[in-house]
Amino acid sequence: MTRHAEFDQARKQGIAKSGRFLVVSTISNKELHRHKAGIIITKKIGNAVTRNRLRRRIHNILAKHIDEIDTTQGKRYLVTILRWRAPQASSHELEQDWLNQASKLGLLKATHI
């Protein structure tokens, strides 16, 4: 995702679940050809090195689990917002938190749950 309108639509019109380290927001769109994902990290989280490290971790999580997202209602916009606790989390903790929020939102196929 690159457009502000896409982020805004997913955050305001979609549904969201928050965890300890991140918030996942989503909205389905039947016109999309593939899932679109975006990451929001504020400067309050840390310096550029910290923010880029977290961004790479979330990219890896999304790449690993993007095929497990249910497409029965169409492709989705996915927005992951990192919270202030995220720099203290390990990659495994971030992945577990993302998976927990995705399953609460009903994003994952039944085989994964």
C-alpha atoms as a PDB file:
ATOM      1  CA  MET A   1       0.000   0.000   0.000  1.00  0.00           C
ATOM      2  CA  THR A   2       1.292   3.411  -0.850  1.00  0.00           C
ATOM      3  CA  ARG A   3      -1.676   5.771  -0.920  1.00  0.00           C
ATOM      4  CA  HIS A   4      -2.893   7.575   2.167  1.00  0.00           C
ATOM      5  CA  ALA A   5      -6.499   6.904   1.114  1.00  0.00           C
ATOM      6  CA  GLU A   6      -5.917   3.133   1.224  1.00  0.00           C
ATOM      7  CA  PHE A   7      -4.495   3.320   4.747  1.00  0.00           C
ATOM      8  CA  ASP A   8      -7.287   5.634   5.822  1.00  0.00           C
ATOM      9  CA  GLN A   9     -10.007   3.402   4.388  1.00  0.00           C
ATOM     10  CA  ALA A  10      -8.645   0.299   6.126  1.00  0.00           C
ATOM     11  CA  ARG A  11      -8.282   2.074   9.456  1.00  0.00           C
ATOM     12  CA  LYS A  12     -11.603   3.964   9.494  1.00  0.00           C
ATOM     13  CA  GLN A  13     -14.009   1.688   7.610  1.00  0.00           C
ATOM     14  CA  GLY A  14     -12.407  -1.664   8.349  1.00  0.00           C
ATOM     15  CA  ILE A  15     -12.249  -3.711  11.504  1.00  0.00           C
ATOM     16  CA  ALA A  16      -9.260  -3.744  13.845  1.00  0.00           C
ATOM     17  CA  LYS A  17      -7.926  -5.779  16.737  1.00  0.00           C
ATOM     18  CA  SER A  18      -5.149  -4.670  19.027  1.00  0.00           C
ATOM     19  CA  GLY A  19      -2.598  -6.795  20.778  1.00  0.00           C
ATOM     20  CA  ARG A  20       0.283  -6.134  23.089  1.00  0.00           C
ATOM     21  CA  PHE A  21       2.765  -5.101  20.380  1.00  0.00           C
ATOM     22  CA  LEU A  22       0.658  -4.194  17.355  1.00  0.00           C
ATOM     23  CA  VAL A  23      -2.759  -3.417  15.908  1.00  0.00           C
ATOM     24  CA  VAL A  24      -4.049  -5.170  12.784  1.00  0.00           C
ATOM     25  CA  SER A  25      -6.728  -3.475  10.709  1.00  0.00           C
ATOM     26  CA  THR A  26      -8.355  -4.898   7.593  1.00  0.00           C
ATOM     27  CA  ILE A  27     -11.065  -4.344   5.024  1.00  0.00           C
ATOM     28  CA  SER A  28     -11.987  -6.553   2.072  1.00  0.00           C
ATOM     29  CA  ASN A  29     -12.218  -5.275  -1.470  1.00  0.00           C
ATOM     30  CA  LYS A  30     -13.415  -7.502  -4.309  1.00  0.00           C
ATOM     31  CA  GLU A  31     -11.731  -5.289  -6.925  1.00  0.00           C
ATOM     32  CA  LEU A  32      -8.200  -6.034  -5.710  1.00  0.00           C
ATOM     33  CA  HIS A  33      -6.111  -8.535  -7.656  1.00  0.00           C
ATOM     34  CA  ARG A  34      -3.979  -9.413  -4.617  1.00  0.00           C
ATOM     35  CA  HIS A  35      -3.735  -8.540  -0.943  1.00  0.00           C
ATOM     36  CA  LYS A  36      -2.223  -5.151  -0.149  1.00  0.00           C
ATOM     37  CA  ALA A  37      -0.384  -4.646   3.114  1.00  0.00           C
ATOM     38  CA  GLY A  38       0.939  -1.563   4.835  1.00  0.00           C
ATOM     39  CA  ILE A  39       2.866  -0.833   8.013  1.00  0.00           C
ATOM     40  CA  ILE A  40       2.578   2.254  10.203  1.00  0.00           C
ATOM     41  CA  ILE A  41       5.434   3.100  12.570  1.00  0.00           C
ATOM     42  CA  THR A  42       5.687   6.472  14.285  1.00  0.00           C
ATOM     43  CA  LYS A  43       8.896   8.218  15.275  1.00  0.00           C
ATOM     44  CA  LYS A  44       7.904   7.759  18.919  1.00  0.00           C
ATOM     45  CA  ILE A  45       8.904   4.098  18.632  1.00  0.00           C
ATOM     46  CA  GLY A  46      12.581   4.834  18.147  1.00  0.00           C
ATOM     47  CA  ASN A  47      15.271   5.954  15.771  1.00  0.00           C
ATOM     48  CA  ALA A  48      15.425   4.990  12.084  1.00  0.00           C
ATOM     49  CA  VAL A  49      17.449   1.845  12.747  1.00  0.00           C
ATOM     50  CA  THR A  50      14.847   0.554  15.220  1.00  0.00           C
ATOM     51  CA  ARG A  51      11.917   1.434  12.972  1.00  0.00           C
ATOM     52  CA  ASN A  52      13.505  -0.221   9.923  1.00  0.00           C
ATOM     53  CA  ARG A  53      14.315  -3.370  11.916  1.00  0.00           C
ATOM     54  CA  LEU A  54      10.679  -3.613  13.030  1.00  0.00           C
ATOM     55  CA  ARG A  55       9.463  -2.935   9.500  1.00  0.00           C
ATOM     56  CA  ARG A  56      11.624  -5.789   8.158  1.00  0.00           C
ATOM     57  CA  ARG A  57      10.292  -8.130  10.846  1.00  0.00           C
ATOM     58  CA  ILE A  58       6.678  -7.320   9.942  1.00  0.00           C
ATOM     59  CA  HIS A  59       7.465  -7.739   6.216  1.00  0.00           C
ATOM     60  CA  ASN A  60       8.849 -11.205   6.972  1.00  0.00           C
ATOM     61  CA  ILE A  61       5.748 -12.122   8.982  1.00  0.00           C
ATOM     62  CA  LEU A  62       3.451 -10.956   6.195  1.00  0.00           C
ATOM     63  CA  ALA A  63       5.458 -12.773   3.523  1.00  0.00           C
ATOM     64  CA  LYS A  64       5.350 -15.966   5.566  1.00  0.00           C
ATOM     65  CA  HIS A  65       1.593 -15.902   6.239  1.00  0.00           C
ATOM     66  CA  ILE A  66       0.058 -14.027   3.295  1.00  0.00           C
ATOM     67  CA  ASP A  67      -0.987 -17.293   1.602  1.00  0.00           C
ATOM     68  CA  GLU A  68      -2.859 -18.363   4.744  1.00  0.00           C
ATOM     69  CA  ILE A  69      -5.279 -15.427   4.541  1.00  0.00           C
ATOM     70  CA  ASP A  70      -8.830 -16.416   3.625  1.00  0.00           C
ATOM     71  CA  THR A  71      -9.959 -15.018   0.277  1.00  0.00           C
ATOM     72  CA  THR A  72     -13.629 -16.055   0.301  1.00  0.00           C
ATOM     73  CA  GLN A  73     -14.719 -12.433   0.813  1.00  0.00           C
ATOM     74  CA  GLY A  74     -12.208 -11.064  -1.682  1.00  0.00           C
ATOM     75  CA  LYS A  75      -8.706  -9.742  -1.391  1.00  0.00           C
ATOM     76  CA  ARG A  76      -7.888  -7.464   1.528  1.00  0.00           C
ATOM     77  CA  TYR A  77      -6.149  -4.339   2.610  1.00  0.00           C
ATOM     78  CA  LEU A  78      -4.066  -5.158   5.710  1.00  0.00           C
ATOM     79  CA  VAL A  79      -2.641  -2.425   7.922  1.00  0.00           C
ATOM     80  CA  THR A  80      -0.289  -3.266  10.774  1.00  0.00           C
ATOM     81  CA  ILE A  81       0.312  -0.481  13.277  1.00  0.00           C
ATOM     82  CA  LEU A  82       3.202  -0.997  15.651  1.00  0.00           C
ATOM     83  CA  ARG A  83       2.762   0.042  19.255  1.00  0.00           C
ATOM     84  CA  TRP A  84       5.328   1.566  21.591  1.00  0.00           C
ATOM     85  CA  ARG A  85       6.145  -1.837  23.143  1.00  0.00           C
ATOM     86  CA  ALA A  86       7.174  -3.354  19.808  1.00  0.00           C
ATOM     87  CA  PRO A  87      10.935  -2.628  20.083  1.00  0.00           C
ATOM     88  CA  GLN A  88      11.149  -4.829  23.197  1.00  0.00           C
ATOM     89  CA  ALA A  89       9.516  -7.795  21.424  1.00  0.00           C
ATOM     90  CA  SER A  90      11.390 -10.603  19.741  1.00  0.00           C
ATOM     91  CA  SER A  91      10.541 -11.670  16.204  1.00  0.00           C
ATOM     92  CA  HIS A  92       8.691 -14.683  17.571  1.00  0.00           C
ATOM     93  CA  GLU A  93       6.595 -12.529  19.940  1.00  0.00           C
ATOM     94  CA  LEU A  94       5.695 -10.152  17.101  1.00  0.00           C
ATOM     95  CA  GLU A  95       4.704 -13.077  14.890  1.00  0.00           C
ATOM     96  CA  GLN A  96       2.548 -14.642  17.611  1.00  0.00           C
ATOM     97  CA  ASP A  97       0.855 -11.307  18.320  1.00  0.00           C
ATOM     98  CA  TRP A  98       0.171 -10.754  14.602  1.00  0.00           C
ATOM     99  CA  LEU A  99      -1.237 -14.276  14.232  1.00  0.00           C
ATOM    100  CA  ASN A 100      -3.441 -13.820  17.314  1.00  0.00           C
ATOM    101  CA  GLN A 101      -4.921 -10.595  15.958  1.00  0.00           C
ATOM    102  CA  ALA A 102      -5.355 -12.083  12.466  1.00  0.00           C
ATOM    103  CA  SER A 103      -7.210 -15.076  13.878  1.00  0.00           C
ATOM    104  CA  LYS A 104      -9.436 -12.785  15.996  1.00  0.00           C
ATOM    105  CA  LEU A 105     -10.301 -10.887  12.817  1.00  0.00           C
ATOM    106  CA  GLY A 106     -11.058 -14.150  11.014  1.00  0.00           C
ATOM    107  CA  LEU A 107      -8.357 -13.586   8.412  1.00  0.00           C
ATOM    108  CA  LEU A 108      -6.732 -16.991   8.563  1.00  0.00           C
ATOM    109  CA  LYS A 109      -8.017 -20.074   6.800  1.00  0.00           C
ATOM    110  CA  ALA A 110      -9.512 -22.733   9.057  1.00  0.00           C
ATOM    111  CA  THR A 111      -6.547 -25.062   8.498  1.00  0.00           C
ATOM    112  CA  HIS A 112      -4.196 -22.699  10.352  1.00  0.00           C
ATOM    113  CA  ILE A 113      -6.287 -22.189  13.476  1.00  0.00           C
END
